Amino acid sequence: MPDQGNHHVQTLNETIPPYNSDPPTSGPHLPYIAPWGIHTEPIPRQLQVHNLEDGGVMVQYNCPDACPDLVARLKAIVSSYEHQVILAPYPGMKRRIALTAWTRLDAFDDFDERRVRRFITAYRGIDHHPR
């Protein structure tokens, strides 16, 4: 995805231009990060983006009718990484699973452990702060 920069905003209520992807892969974000690991509530997009800038990978899922089996499988993967990976729900996205990193997005419907781990291996730990 094209890089939308890394401008800091101070609050979730601040008006920002639309992100060029959903979930977002770059752009305006808060000046702090969400804790790495497993989340049971959606993470605001402006917070996700800072985690991506810091070399993080987001693993998100959309299950309108609940999907405990899928969530358990994704938890098993994300739990194997000490930092720089987050699992969280993302209601309303078009696909069931989305993997994001800075300027990178892979979205699909059927669980594929190899695909998830390949994405994390490829993009986790790459810092995107301006030098």
C-alpha atoms as a PDB file:
ATOM      1  CA  MET A   1       0.000   0.000   0.000  1.00  0.00           C
ATOM      2  CA  PRO A   2       1.256   3.547  -0.587  1.00  0.00           C
ATOM      3  CA  ASP A   3       2.865   5.081   2.516  1.00  0.00           C
ATOM      4  CA  GLN A   4       0.614   7.724   4.107  1.00  0.00           C
ATOM      5  CA  GLY A   5       3.347   9.026   6.384  1.00  0.00           C
ATOM      6  CA  ASN A   6       3.613   8.902  10.130  1.00  0.00           C
ATOM      7  CA  HIS A   7       2.141  12.147  11.477  1.00  0.00           C
ATOM      8  CA  HIS A   8       1.290  12.025  15.190  1.00  0.00           C
ATOM      9  CA  VAL A   9      -2.168  13.016  16.403  1.00  0.00           C
ATOM     10  CA  GLN A  10      -2.849  13.681  20.061  1.00  0.00           C
ATOM     11  CA  THR A  11      -6.359  12.239  20.490  1.00  0.00           C
ATOM     12  CA  LEU A  12      -8.711   9.728  18.906  1.00  0.00           C
ATOM     13  CA  ASN A  13     -11.115  12.607  18.192  1.00  0.00           C
ATOM     14  CA  GLU A  14      -8.658  14.520  16.010  1.00  0.00           C
ATOM     15  CA  THR A  15      -9.769  14.784  12.384  1.00  0.00           C
ATOM     16  CA  ILE A  16      -7.481  12.851  10.051  1.00  0.00           C
ATOM     17  CA  PRO A  17      -7.565  12.083   6.324  1.00  0.00           C
ATOM     18  CA  PRO A  18      -9.019   8.668   5.435  1.00  0.00           C
ATOM     19  CA  TYR A  19      -6.684   5.702   5.516  1.00  0.00           C
ATOM     20  CA  ASN A  20      -5.977   4.116   2.119  1.00  0.00           C
ATOM     21  CA  SER A  21      -6.594   0.599   3.429  1.00  0.00           C
ATOM     22  CA  ASP A  22      -8.866  -1.117   5.894  1.00  0.00           C
ATOM     23  CA  PRO A  23      -7.349  -2.077   8.291  1.00  0.00           C
ATOM     24  CA  PRO A  24      -4.833   0.777   7.995  1.00  0.00           C
ATOM     25  CA  THR A  25      -1.185   0.186   7.114  1.00  0.00           C
ATOM     26  CA  SER A  26       0.330   3.668   7.617  1.00  0.00           C
ATOM     27  CA  GLY A  27      -0.722   7.246   8.270  1.00  0.00           C
ATOM     28  CA  PRO A  28      -1.643   9.476  11.195  1.00  0.00           C
ATOM     29  CA  HIS A  29      -1.416   7.791  14.578  1.00  0.00           C
ATOM     30  CA  LEU A  30      -1.323   8.329  18.313  1.00  0.00           C
ATOM     31  CA  PRO A  31       2.049   8.951  20.018  1.00  0.00           C
ATOM     32  CA  TYR A  32       1.897   5.682  22.017  1.00  0.00           C
ATOM     33  CA  ILE A  33       1.348   1.999  21.205  1.00  0.00           C
ATOM     34  CA  ALA A  34      -1.099  -0.698  22.242  1.00  0.00           C
ATOM     35  CA  PRO A  35       0.361  -3.514  24.369  1.00  0.00           C
ATOM     36  CA  TRP A  36       1.669  -6.435  22.323  1.00  0.00           C
ATOM     37  CA  GLY A  37      -0.215  -9.707  22.588  1.00  0.00           C
ATOM     38  CA  ILE A  38      -3.837 -10.853  22.691  1.00  0.00           C
ATOM     39  CA  HIS A  39      -6.687  -8.322  22.789  1.00  0.00           C
ATOM     40  CA  THR A  40     -10.386  -9.123  23.085  1.00  0.00           C
ATOM     41  CA  GLU A  41     -11.572  -5.633  22.084  1.00  0.00           C
ATOM     42  CA  PRO A  42     -10.907  -3.833  18.785  1.00  0.00           C
ATOM     43  CA  ILE A  43      -7.904  -1.498  18.775  1.00  0.00           C
ATOM     44  CA  PRO A  44      -8.514   2.022  17.431  1.00  0.00           C
ATOM     45  CA  ARG A  45      -7.008   2.448  13.979  1.00  0.00           C
ATOM     46  CA  GLN A  46      -4.917   5.453  15.071  1.00  0.00           C
ATOM     47  CA  LEU A  47      -3.339   3.247  17.733  1.00  0.00           C
ATOM     48  CA  GLN A  48      -2.761   0.234  15.458  1.00  0.00           C
ATOM     49  CA  VAL A  49      -0.740   2.351  13.044  1.00  0.00           C
ATOM     50  CA  HIS A  50       1.839   3.314  15.683  1.00  0.00           C
ATOM     51  CA  ASN A  51       2.359  -0.361  16.503  1.00  0.00           C
ATOM     52  CA  LEU A  52       2.999  -0.979  12.798  1.00  0.00           C
ATOM     53  CA  GLU A  53       5.462   1.921  12.656  1.00  0.00           C
ATOM     54  CA  ASP A  54       7.349   0.308  15.565  1.00  0.00           C
ATOM     55  CA  GLY A  55       7.806  -2.908  13.574  1.00  0.00           C
ATOM     56  CA  GLY A  56       4.638  -4.606  14.715  1.00  0.00           C
ATOM     57  CA  VAL A  57       2.272  -6.917  12.891  1.00  0.00           C
ATOM     58  CA  MET A  58      -1.472  -6.874  13.492  1.00  0.00           C
ATOM     59  CA  VAL A  59      -3.443 -10.117  13.151  1.00  0.00           C
ATOM     60  CA  GLN A  60      -7.128  -9.200  13.109  1.00  0.00           C
ATOM     61  CA  TYR A  61     -10.330 -11.135  12.590  1.00  0.00           C
ATOM     62  CA  ASN A  62     -13.955 -10.392  11.797  1.00  0.00           C
ATOM     63  CA  CYS A  63     -16.489 -12.880  13.140  1.00  0.00           C
ATOM     64  CA  PRO A  64     -20.012 -11.440  13.231  1.00  0.00           C
ATOM     65  CA  ASP A  65     -21.407 -14.774  14.463  1.00  0.00           C
ATOM     66  CA  ALA A  66     -18.477 -15.659  16.752  1.00  0.00           C
ATOM     67  CA  CYS A  67     -15.710 -18.008  15.700  1.00  0.00           C
ATOM     68  CA  PRO A  68     -14.047 -19.461  18.801  1.00  0.00           C
ATOM     69  CA  ASP A  69     -12.172 -22.076  16.762  1.00  0.00           C
ATOM     70  CA  LEU A  70     -10.554 -19.477  14.503  1.00  0.00           C
ATOM     71  CA  VAL A  71      -9.725 -17.205  17.428  1.00  0.00           C
ATOM     72  CA  ALA A  72      -8.098 -20.100  19.315  1.00  0.00           C
ATOM     73  CA  ARG A  73      -5.925 -20.962  16.302  1.00  0.00           C
ATOM     74  CA  LEU A  74      -4.866 -17.327  15.834  1.00  0.00           C
ATOM     75  CA  LYS A  75      -4.164 -16.998  19.590  1.00  0.00           C
ATOM     76  CA  ALA A  76      -1.869 -20.020  19.424  1.00  0.00           C
ATOM     77  CA  ILE A  77       0.168 -18.338  16.700  1.00  0.00           C
ATOM     78  CA  VAL A  78       0.320 -14.860  18.252  1.00  0.00           C
ATOM     79  CA  SER A  79       1.125 -16.262  21.713  1.00  0.00           C
ATOM     80  CA  SER A  80       4.317 -17.753  20.322  1.00  0.00           C
ATOM     81  CA  TYR A  81       5.771 -14.243  19.822  1.00  0.00           C
ATOM     82  CA  GLU A  82       6.924 -12.269  22.850  1.00  0.00           C
ATOM     83  CA  HIS A  83       6.499  -8.846  21.274  1.00  0.00           C
ATOM     84  CA  GLN A  84       5.680  -6.978  18.072  1.00  0.00           C
ATOM     85  CA  VAL A  85       2.563  -9.023  17.262  1.00  0.00           C
ATOM     86  CA  ILE A  86      -1.034  -8.241  18.234  1.00  0.00           C
ATOM     87  CA  LEU A  87      -4.225 -10.257  17.840  1.00  0.00           C
ATOM     88  CA  ALA A  88      -7.505  -8.328  17.993  1.00  0.00           C
ATOM     89  CA  PRO A  89     -11.025  -8.379  16.586  1.00  0.00           C
ATOM     90  CA  TYR A  90     -11.779  -5.928  13.767  1.00  0.00           C
ATOM     91  CA  PRO A  91     -15.537  -5.844  13.212  1.00  0.00           C
ATOM     92  CA  GLY A  92     -16.822  -4.811   9.824  1.00  0.00           C
ATOM     93  CA  MET A  93     -13.866  -5.627   7.614  1.00  0.00           C
ATOM     94  CA  LYS A  94     -14.609  -7.404   4.339  1.00  0.00           C
ATOM     95  CA  ARG A  95     -12.566 -10.563   5.021  1.00  0.00           C
ATOM     96  CA  ARG A  96     -12.398 -12.839   8.079  1.00  0.00           C
ATOM     97  CA  ILE A  97      -8.654 -12.412   8.645  1.00  0.00           C
ATOM     98  CA  ALA A  98      -6.372  -9.459   7.965  1.00  0.00           C
ATOM     99  CA  LEU A  99      -2.632  -9.252   8.513  1.00  0.00           C
ATOM    100  CA  THR A 100      -1.099  -5.781   8.509  1.00  0.00           C
ATOM    101  CA  ALA A 101       2.389  -4.357   8.756  1.00  0.00           C
ATOM    102  CA  TRP A 102       3.692  -0.940   7.681  1.00  0.00           C
ATOM    103  CA  THR A 103       2.422  -0.486   4.072  1.00  0.00           C
ATOM    104  CA  ARG A 104       1.508  -4.193   3.883  1.00  0.00           C
ATOM    105  CA  LEU A 105      -1.895  -5.898   3.951  1.00  0.00           C
ATOM    106  CA  ASP A 106      -2.934  -9.501   3.389  1.00  0.00           C
ATOM    107  CA  ALA A 107      -6.628 -10.317   3.858  1.00  0.00           C
ATOM    108  CA  PHE A 108      -8.311 -13.702   3.386  1.00  0.00           C
ATOM    109  CA  ASP A 109     -11.190 -15.827   4.655  1.00  0.00           C
ATOM    110  CA  ASP A 110      -9.806 -19.307   5.341  1.00  0.00           C
ATOM    111  CA  PHE A 111      -7.323 -19.940   8.152  1.00  0.00           C
ATOM    112  CA  ASP A 112      -3.818 -20.708   6.885  1.00  0.00           C
ATOM    113  CA  GLU A 113      -1.178 -21.012   9.600  1.00  0.00           C
ATOM    114  CA  ARG A 114       1.744 -20.996   7.158  1.00  0.00           C
ATOM    115  CA  ARG A 115       0.477 -17.821   5.512  1.00  0.00           C
ATOM    116  CA  VAL A 116       0.099 -16.055   8.872  1.00  0.00           C
ATOM    117  CA  ARG A 117       3.546 -17.111  10.102  1.00  0.00           C
ATOM    118  CA  ARG A 118       5.206 -16.175   6.787  1.00  0.00           C
ATOM    119  CA  PHE A 119       3.731 -12.668   7.002  1.00  0.00           C
ATOM    120  CA  ILE A 120       4.851 -12.225  10.613  1.00  0.00           C
ATOM    121  CA  THR A 121       8.350 -13.496   9.801  1.00  0.00           C
ATOM    122  CA  ALA A 122       8.640 -11.204   6.780  1.00  0.00           C
ATOM    123  CA  TYR A 123       7.550  -7.946   8.455  1.00  0.00           C
ATOM    124  CA  ARG A 124       7.907  -8.166  12.239  1.00  0.00           C
ATOM    125  CA  GLY A 125      10.692  -6.066  13.728  1.00  0.00           C
ATOM    126  CA  ILE A 126      11.200  -3.617  10.852  1.00  0.00           C
ATOM    127  CA  ASP A 127      11.186  -0.094  12.328  1.00  0.00           C
ATOM    128  CA  HIS A 128       9.614   2.612  10.160  1.00  0.00           C
ATOM    129  CA  HIS A 129      10.484   5.794  12.049  1.00  0.00           C
ATOM    130  CA  PRO A 130      12.023   8.509   9.865  1.00  0.00           C
ATOM    131  CA  ARG A 131      15.774   8.704  10.140  1.00  0.00           C
END
